[in-house]
Amino acid sequence: MRTQVGIIGSGPAGLLLAHLLNKQGIESVIVERQSREHVEARIRAGVLEQGTVNLLREVGVHARMECEGLPHDGFALAFAGRQERIDMRAQTGKGVMVYGQTEVTRDLIAARLAAGGVIHFEAPALAVEDFASKQPRIIYEKNGQRHELTCDFVVACDGYHGIGRKSIGEDKLNLYEKLYPFGWLGILADVPPVDEELIYANHARGFALCSMRSHTRSRYYVQCALDDKVENWTDDAFWDELRRRLPPETAERLITGPRLEMSIAPLRSFVTEPMRAGQLLLAGDAAHIVPPTGAKGLNLAASDVYYAAQALTAFYAENRHDLLDAYSQTCLRRVWKAVRFSWWFTGLMHKFDNDPISHRLQVAELDYIASSNAARTSMAENYVGLPF
């Protein structure tokens, strides 16, 4: 089989890239190791920057988002028993859209298949070969048989553990990684959100986040030990701990209910340099990971594929190589800024040690942000997403 662009991974990055390329008349084939049902059921974050929203509108996959998504103009910082709102719209003229990544994926898959696009589900990629040549190949397995997909370019959107980066060889890449000494224990429940906007809470007991997927479904998190287990937590224990970390007035409004899902996510910062080797481009989690504080993961993947689509369009339409040659550098300029913001926001909100001065310094900085227009603008500008 042959195509112009082979895409590994049917998460939002790979799917969005396929739609952007199709809009320019560029053929692509997606290979995905999991089943469609598994991909569409994965629970992920759901804060979309304006740039991501614009891309979904550009490819015409936005109708359900516009109907069911929740536009947010601000978010709250809770600390020292109080709650302060950061008005993103007032500070930057922009907001974000709360719409689950699960729903984004479902919309993109449905639109891809309706347009006759090819997605090979349950087809794990085994290797990317000959990417230094003009005809790279994706070696993948389907129904127990080995297949080859010959391409002009391969874009690996296959996540941190995917074969794309491994095929390059980590000895040929510069890898930067920071592991955080805690995780996020998250619960998904069919209960109304405690507030109309997200609440990021700093507390002496640890971080907490109140978010939502809809007006009737909420997603809450509390910081936990890295070696903690879901089995250690009953629903009641989770709700009690969450209440402790919220300002009293907010805690009183909290409506609880049985879990639909509970999981623990570790936190890391990770960046690969460069993000291109020959005809193989890395995008999304294959190239970088950020802590979920600040909700940058999906949005960074969206900016990566935006740059990839621009570069590939210039190549096919005008035989230009300049955007491809600049792909890695262009992506990484934005990636490192988002990694910095996620690292800073994580450091501001989480408990790293038992030294009381650490918490007091965090509270002092949060108080400064709440009282300084310049600080609020800087935070809002990064949260809504830097332009791409």
Protein backbone atom coordinates (compact mmCIF):
# COMPACT_ATOMS: atom_id res chain seq x y z
CA MET A 1 0.00 0.00 0.00
CA ARG A 2 1.14 3.53 -0.74
CA THR A 3 0.06 7.00 0.36
CA GLN A 4 1.50 10.49 0.52
CA VAL A 5 1.52 10.88 4.32
CA GLY A 6 1.44 7.95 6.72
CA ILE A 7 0.15 8.85 10.18
CA ILE A 8 0.73 6.67 13.23
CA GLY A 9 -1.93 7.13 15.91
CA SER A 10 -5.61 8.04 15.81
CA GLY A 11 -5.66 10.38 18.76
CA PRO A 12 -6.66 14.01 18.21
CA ALA A 13 -3.23 14.91 16.75
CA GLY A 14 -3.20 12.27 14.04
CA LEU A 15 -6.86 12.73 13.18
CA LEU A 16 -6.66 16.52 13.05
CA LEU A 17 -3.59 16.32 10.81
CA ALA A 18 -5.42 13.97 8.44
CA HIS A 19 -8.31 16.43 8.17
CA LEU A 20 -5.99 19.40 7.57
CA LEU A 21 -4.17 17.48 4.83
CA ASN A 22 -7.38 16.28 3.20
CA LYS A 23 -8.55 19.89 3.02
CA GLN A 24 -5.49 20.56 0.83
CA GLY A 25 -5.99 17.45 -1.31
CA ILE A 26 -3.14 15.51 0.32
CA GLU A 27 -3.75 11.80 0.84
CA SER A 28 -3.07 10.12 4.18
CA VAL A 29 -3.56 6.78 5.90
CA ILE A 30 -3.77 6.35 9.68
CA VAL A 31 -2.62 3.20 11.47
CA GLU A 32 -3.77 2.76 15.07
CA ARG A 33 -2.83 -0.06 17.42
CA GLN A 34 -6.06 0.00 19.44
CA SER A 35 -9.67 -0.68 18.47
CA ARG A 36 -12.03 2.17 17.62
CA GLU A 37 -14.00 1.43 20.77
CA HIS A 38 -10.89 1.70 22.93
CA VAL A 39 -9.74 4.95 21.31
CA GLU A 40 -13.16 6.55 21.69
CA ALA A 41 -13.43 5.54 25.36
CA ARG A 42 -10.11 6.95 26.60
CA ILE A 43 -10.63 9.54 29.34
CA ARG A 44 -8.51 12.64 28.78
CA ALA A 45 -8.50 16.34 29.57
CA GLY A 46 -10.90 18.80 28.03
CA VAL A 47 -9.71 22.44 27.96
CA LEU A 48 -9.28 23.66 24.37
CA GLU A 49 -7.33 26.80 23.59
CA GLN A 50 -8.69 29.22 21.00
CA GLY A 51 -6.15 28.01 18.45
CA THR A 52 -7.37 24.41 18.80
CA VAL A 53 -10.98 25.51 18.54
CA ASN A 54 -10.12 27.45 15.38
CA LEU A 55 -8.53 24.37 13.80
CA LEU A 56 -11.60 22.23 14.53
CA ARG A 57 -13.73 24.91 12.91
CA GLU A 58 -11.37 25.11 9.93
CA VAL A 59 -11.78 21.41 9.15
CA GLY A 60 -15.53 21.51 9.76
CA VAL A 61 -15.51 19.27 12.85
CA HIS A 62 -17.04 21.68 15.32
CA ALA A 63 -20.83 21.34 15.31
CA ARG A 64 -21.15 19.23 18.47
CA MET A 65 -18.44 21.24 20.23
CA GLU A 66 -20.35 24.47 19.54
CA CYS A 67 -23.56 22.88 20.83
CA GLU A 68 -22.28 20.99 23.88
CA GLY A 69 -18.98 22.69 24.75
CA LEU A 70 -18.73 25.17 27.60
CA PRO A 71 -17.01 28.47 26.74
CA HIS A 72 -15.05 29.79 29.73
CA ASP A 73 -13.82 33.34 30.14
CA GLY A 74 -12.00 32.77 33.42
CA PHE A 75 -10.84 30.34 36.09
CA ALA A 76 -10.31 30.52 39.85
CA LEU A 77 -7.26 30.22 42.09
CA ALA A 78 -8.14 28.97 45.56
CA PHE A 79 -5.64 29.46 48.38
CA ALA A 80 -5.51 30.47 52.04
CA GLY A 81 -9.26 29.90 52.43
CA ARG A 82 -10.20 32.30 49.62
CA GLN A 83 -10.95 32.13 45.92
CA GLU A 84 -9.75 34.65 43.31
CA ARG A 85 -10.90 34.73 39.69
CA ILE A 86 -8.54 35.24 36.75
CA ASP A 87 -10.61 36.93 34.04
CA MET A 88 -8.97 35.66 30.86
CA ARG A 89 -11.34 37.57 28.59
CA ALA A 90 -10.66 40.90 30.32
CA GLN A 91 -6.89 40.32 30.38
CA THR A 92 -6.41 38.92 26.85
CA GLY A 93 -9.67 39.20 24.91
CA LYS A 94 -9.74 35.40 24.66
CA GLY A 95 -11.21 32.43 26.49
CA VAL A 96 -11.10 28.63 26.31
CA MET A 97 -13.60 25.91 25.45
CA VAL A 98 -14.29 23.07 27.88
CA TYR A 99 -15.04 20.05 25.70
CA GLY A 100 -13.69 16.60 26.52
CA GLN A 101 -10.83 15.17 24.49
CA THR A 102 -12.87 11.97 24.29
CA GLU A 103 -15.58 13.89 22.46
CA VAL A 104 -13.06 15.62 20.17
CA THR A 105 -11.70 12.20 19.20
CA ARG A 106 -15.16 10.79 18.51
CA ASP A 107 -16.04 13.77 16.33
CA LEU A 108 -12.81 13.54 14.35
CA ILE A 109 -13.11 9.78 13.78
CA ALA A 110 -16.73 10.05 12.64
CA ALA A 111 -15.88 12.86 10.21
CA ARG A 112 -12.81 11.02 8.90
CA LEU A 113 -14.74 7.85 8.13
CA ALA A 114 -17.72 9.76 6.70
CA ALA A 115 -15.34 11.45 4.24
CA GLY A 116 -13.95 8.09 3.13
CA GLY A 117 -10.64 8.51 4.95
CA VAL A 118 -8.67 5.40 5.90
CA ILE A 119 -8.04 4.41 9.51
CA HIS A 120 -6.61 0.96 10.16
CA PHE A 121 -7.67 0.15 13.72
CA GLU A 122 -6.09 -2.74 15.66
CA ALA A 123 -3.02 -2.32 13.45
CA PRO A 124 0.02 -1.69 15.68
CA ALA A 125 2.98 -0.03 13.99
CA LEU A 126 6.10 -2.14 14.50
CA ALA A 127 8.71 0.16 12.97
CA VAL A 128 9.33 3.13 10.71
CA GLU A 129 12.01 2.20 8.19
CA ASP A 130 13.98 4.11 5.54
CA PHE A 131 12.92 7.50 6.90
CA ALA A 132 16.25 8.92 5.74
CA SER A 133 15.19 8.13 2.16
CA LYS A 134 12.44 9.56 -0.05
CA GLN A 135 10.26 6.50 0.57
CA PRO A 136 9.87 5.80 4.29
CA ARG A 137 7.80 2.77 5.25
CA ILE A 138 5.54 2.05 8.21
CA ILE A 139 5.69 -1.62 9.10
CA TYR A 140 2.50 -2.63 10.87
CA GLU A 141 0.49 -5.71 11.78
CA LYS A 142 -3.16 -6.34 10.95
CA ASN A 143 -5.11 -9.53 11.63
CA GLY A 144 -1.89 -11.33 12.44
CA GLN A 145 -0.28 -10.37 9.12
CA ARG A 146 2.63 -8.03 8.50
CA HIS A 147 1.98 -5.07 6.17
CA GLU A 148 4.00 -2.18 4.74
CA LEU A 149 2.75 1.32 4.06
CA THR A 150 5.09 3.25 1.77
CA CYS A 151 4.85 7.04 2.09
CA ASP A 152 6.48 10.31 1.12
CA PHE A 153 6.41 11.33 4.79
CA VAL A 154 5.55 9.71 8.12
CA VAL A 155 4.11 11.71 11.00
CA ALA A 156 4.26 9.86 14.33
CA CYS A 157 1.41 10.95 16.61
CA ASP A 158 1.66 7.77 18.61
CA GLY A 159 2.34 9.01 22.12
CA TYR A 160 5.17 8.77 24.60
CA HIS A 161 5.53 4.98 24.25
CA GLY A 162 5.04 4.89 20.46
CA ILE A 163 7.31 3.45 17.80
CA GLY A 164 7.95 6.77 16.02
CA ARG A 165 10.55 8.15 18.41
CA LYS A 166 11.96 4.68 19.08
CA SER A 167 12.55 4.16 15.34
CA ILE A 168 14.81 7.23 15.23
CA GLY A 169 16.81 5.90 18.16
CA GLU A 170 16.99 7.77 21.43
CA ASP A 171 20.78 7.90 21.16
CA LYS A 172 20.29 10.22 18.16
CA LEU A 173 17.99 12.60 20.08
CA ASN A 174 18.37 15.03 22.94
CA LEU A 175 15.84 14.04 25.60
CA TYR A 176 14.90 16.35 28.47
CA GLU A 177 12.82 14.95 31.30
CA LYS A 178 11.64 15.95 34.76
CA LEU A 179 9.59 13.56 36.91
CA TYR A 180 7.41 15.01 39.66
CA PRO A 181 7.23 13.30 43.09
CA PHE A 182 3.41 13.00 43.14
CA GLY A 183 0.43 12.05 41.00
CA TRP A 184 -3.16 13.14 40.41
CA LEU A 185 -5.97 10.98 41.75
CA GLY A 186 -8.96 11.75 39.54
CA ILE A 187 -12.63 10.89 39.73
CA LEU A 188 -15.29 11.24 37.03
CA ALA A 189 -18.86 11.45 38.30
CA ASP A 190 -22.29 12.39 37.01
CA VAL A 191 -22.74 15.32 39.36
CA PRO A 192 -23.05 19.03 38.54
CA PRO A 193 -19.78 21.02 38.80
CA VAL A 194 -19.13 22.87 42.03
CA ASP A 195 -18.55 26.06 40.05
CA GLU A 196 -19.19 27.39 36.53
CA GLU A 197 -15.45 27.63 35.89
CA LEU A 198 -12.38 25.56 36.79
CA ILE A 199 -10.90 25.95 40.27
CA TYR A 200 -7.18 25.32 40.89
CA ALA A 201 -6.60 24.92 44.63
CA ASN A 202 -3.39 25.28 46.61
CA HIS A 203 -3.62 23.79 50.10
CA ALA A 204 -1.21 22.69 52.81
CA ARG A 205 -2.48 19.12 52.28
CA GLY A 206 -1.80 19.29 48.53
CA PHE A 207 -3.24 20.43 45.22
CA ALA A 208 -6.85 19.98 44.05
CA LEU A 209 -8.64 20.73 40.78
CA CYS A 210 -12.36 21.11 40.16
CA SER A 211 -13.22 20.75 36.48
CA MET A 212 -16.11 19.51 34.39
CA ARG A 213 -17.12 17.79 31.17
CA SER A 214 -20.65 19.18 31.01
CA HIS A 215 -23.30 20.79 33.20
CA THR A 216 -24.02 17.36 34.69
CA ARG A 217 -20.65 15.57 34.60
CA SER A 218 -17.64 16.63 36.70
CA ARG A 219 -13.97 15.72 36.81
CA TYR A 220 -12.13 16.30 40.10
CA TYR A 221 -8.53 15.69 41.14
CA VAL A 222 -6.46 15.65 44.31
CA GLN A 223 -2.70 15.41 44.57
CA CYS A 224 -1.60 12.03 45.89
CA ALA A 225 1.58 10.11 46.57
CA LEU A 226 3.28 8.65 43.52
CA ASP A 227 2.99 5.12 44.93
CA ASP A 228 -0.67 5.48 45.94
CA LYS A 229 -3.27 3.05 44.59
CA VAL A 230 -6.86 3.57 43.48
CA GLU A 231 -7.75 0.61 45.70
CA ASN A 232 -6.82 2.71 48.72
CA TRP A 233 -9.64 5.19 48.03
CA THR A 234 -13.36 4.86 48.57
CA ASP A 235 -15.63 7.43 46.96
CA ASP A 236 -16.37 8.96 50.37
CA ALA A 237 -12.67 9.24 51.20
CA PHE A 238 -12.03 11.09 47.93
CA TRP A 239 -14.90 13.55 48.44
CA ASP A 240 -13.83 14.22 52.03
CA GLU A 241 -10.27 14.94 50.96
CA LEU A 242 -11.41 17.22 48.16
CA ARG A 243 -13.58 19.23 50.57
CA ARG A 244 -10.62 19.75 52.91
CA ARG A 245 -8.61 21.36 50.12
CA LEU A 246 -11.28 23.83 48.98
CA PRO A 247 -12.33 27.13 50.57
CA PRO A 248 -15.21 26.50 53.04
CA GLU A 249 -17.87 28.22 50.94
CA THR A 250 -16.90 26.21 47.87
CA ALA A 251 -16.74 22.94 49.81
CA GLU A 252 -20.29 23.48 51.07
CA ARG A 253 -21.57 23.63 47.47
CA LEU A 254 -19.91 20.38 46.44
CA ILE A 255 -22.36 17.71 45.27
CA THR A 256 -20.99 14.17 45.41
CA GLY A 257 -21.93 10.91 43.77
CA PRO A 258 -20.60 7.48 42.79
CA ARG A 259 -17.58 7.30 40.54
CA LEU A 260 -17.85 6.50 36.86
CA GLU A 261 -14.08 6.17 36.73
CA MET A 262 -11.14 6.70 39.08
CA SER A 263 -7.47 6.67 38.13
CA ILE A 264 -4.05 7.97 39.13
CA ALA A 265 -1.89 9.86 36.64
CA PRO A 266 1.85 10.49 37.16
CA LEU A 267 3.25 13.89 36.16
CA ARG A 268 6.29 14.57 34.00
CA SER A 269 7.83 17.21 31.79
CA PHE A 270 9.48 15.73 28.69
CA VAL A 271 10.83 17.20 25.45
CA THR A 272 12.52 15.59 22.45
CA GLU A 273 14.91 17.56 20.26
CA PRO A 274 14.75 17.56 17.29
CA MET A 275 11.19 16.66 16.29
CA ARG A 276 12.16 15.56 12.78
CA ALA A 277 14.50 12.95 11.33
CA GLY A 278 14.55 12.82 7.54
CA GLN A 279 11.02 12.19 6.29
CA LEU A 280 9.77 11.31 9.80
CA LEU A 281 8.10 14.03 11.88
CA LEU A 282 7.14 13.67 15.55
CA ALA A 283 4.05 15.39 16.91
CA GLY A 284 2.16 15.57 20.20
CA ASP A 285 3.08 13.24 23.04
CA ALA A 286 5.58 11.42 20.82
CA ALA A 287 7.73 14.54 21.12
CA HIS A 288 6.76 16.16 24.42
CA ILE A 289 4.78 15.67 27.62
CA VAL A 290 3.62 18.34 30.06
CA PRO A 291 2.00 18.05 33.48
CA PRO A 292 -1.79 18.44 33.13
CA THR A 293 -1.64 21.63 35.20
CA GLY A 294 -2.59 24.29 32.67
CA ALA A 295 -4.11 21.82 30.15
CA LYS A 296 -1.43 22.14 27.46
CA GLY A 297 -1.04 18.55 26.19
CA LEU A 298 -3.77 18.34 23.54
CA ASN A 299 -3.27 21.98 22.59
CA LEU A 300 0.45 21.50 21.97
CA ALA A 301 -0.39 18.52 19.76
CA ALA A 302 -2.78 20.74 17.81
CA SER A 303 -0.10 23.38 17.20
CA ASP A 304 2.38 20.68 16.12
CA VAL A 305 0.04 19.31 13.45
CA TYR A 306 -0.85 22.84 12.35
CA TYR A 307 2.84 23.45 11.61
CA ALA A 308 3.18 19.98 10.02
CA ALA A 309 0.18 20.58 7.76
CA GLN A 310 1.55 23.97 6.71
CA ALA A 311 4.93 22.44 5.90
CA LEU A 312 3.50 19.51 3.94
CA THR A 313 1.10 21.76 2.04
CA ALA A 314 3.97 24.04 0.99
CA PHE A 315 5.96 20.99 -0.15
CA TYR A 316 3.18 19.50 -2.27
CA ALA A 317 1.74 22.74 -3.62
CA GLU A 318 4.94 24.69 -4.28
CA ASN A 319 7.79 22.17 -3.91
CA ARG A 320 9.03 24.23 -0.95
CA HIS A 321 11.25 22.66 1.69
CA ASP A 322 11.74 25.65 3.99
CA LEU A 323 8.82 24.97 6.32
CA LEU A 324 9.76 21.30 6.60
CA ASP A 325 13.34 22.27 7.39
CA ALA A 326 12.07 24.67 10.07
CA TYR A 327 9.41 22.29 11.46
CA SER A 328 11.28 21.19 14.56
CA GLN A 329 12.57 24.64 15.49
CA THR A 330 9.15 26.23 14.90
CA CYS A 331 7.34 23.68 17.06
CA LEU A 332 9.92 23.71 19.84
CA ARG A 333 9.78 27.46 20.33
CA ARG A 334 6.14 27.10 21.34
CA VAL A 335 6.61 23.76 23.08
CA TRP A 336 9.27 25.07 25.48
CA LYS A 337 7.12 28.06 26.42
CA ALA A 338 4.21 25.73 27.25
CA VAL A 339 6.51 23.37 29.15
CA ARG A 340 7.78 26.35 31.16
CA PHE A 341 4.25 27.50 32.02
CA SER A 342 3.12 24.00 33.02
CA TRP A 343 6.24 23.53 35.18
CA TRP A 344 5.75 26.94 36.82
CA PHE A 345 2.02 26.43 37.46
CA THR A 346 2.70 22.94 38.84
CA GLY A 347 5.35 24.32 41.18
CA LEU A 348 3.03 27.07 42.35
CA MET A 349 0.06 24.85 43.18
CA HIS A 350 1.45 21.55 44.50
CA LYS A 351 2.97 20.40 47.77
CA PHE A 352 6.58 19.30 47.22
CA ASP A 353 7.79 18.97 50.81
CA ASN A 354 6.81 19.52 54.44
CA ASP A 355 8.84 22.71 54.87
CA PRO A 356 6.28 25.33 56.02
CA ILE A 357 8.16 28.15 54.29
CA SER A 358 7.46 26.51 50.90
CA HIS A 359 3.71 26.80 51.35
CA ARG A 360 3.91 30.35 52.67
CA LEU A 361 5.94 31.40 49.63
CA GLN A 362 3.35 29.84 47.30
CA VAL A 363 0.55 31.72 49.08
CA ALA A 364 2.53 34.96 48.80
CA GLU A 365 2.94 34.49 45.05
CA LEU A 366 -0.74 33.64 44.60
CA ASP A 367 -1.67 36.75 46.56
CA TYR A 368 0.62 38.78 44.31
CA ILE A 369 -1.02 37.36 41.17
CA ALA A 370 -4.48 38.16 42.53
CA SER A 371 -3.48 41.77 43.26
CA SER A 372 -1.31 42.56 40.23
CA ASN A 373 -2.80 43.34 36.83
CA ALA A 374 0.53 42.56 35.16
CA ALA A 375 0.75 39.15 36.84
CA ARG A 376 -2.87 38.30 36.02
CA THR A 377 -2.29 39.25 32.38
CA SER A 378 0.82 37.08 32.14
CA MET A 379 -0.99 34.10 33.65
CA ALA A 380 -4.08 34.55 31.50
CA GLU A 381 -2.00 34.99 28.33
CA ASN A 382 -0.25 31.66 28.91
CA TYR A 383 -3.40 29.85 30.00
CA VAL A 384 -5.49 30.78 26.94
CA GLY A 385 -2.57 29.71 24.76
CA LEU A 386 0.20 31.51 22.96
CA PRO A 387 -0.53 32.16 19.26
CA PHE A 388 0.44 29.75 16.48
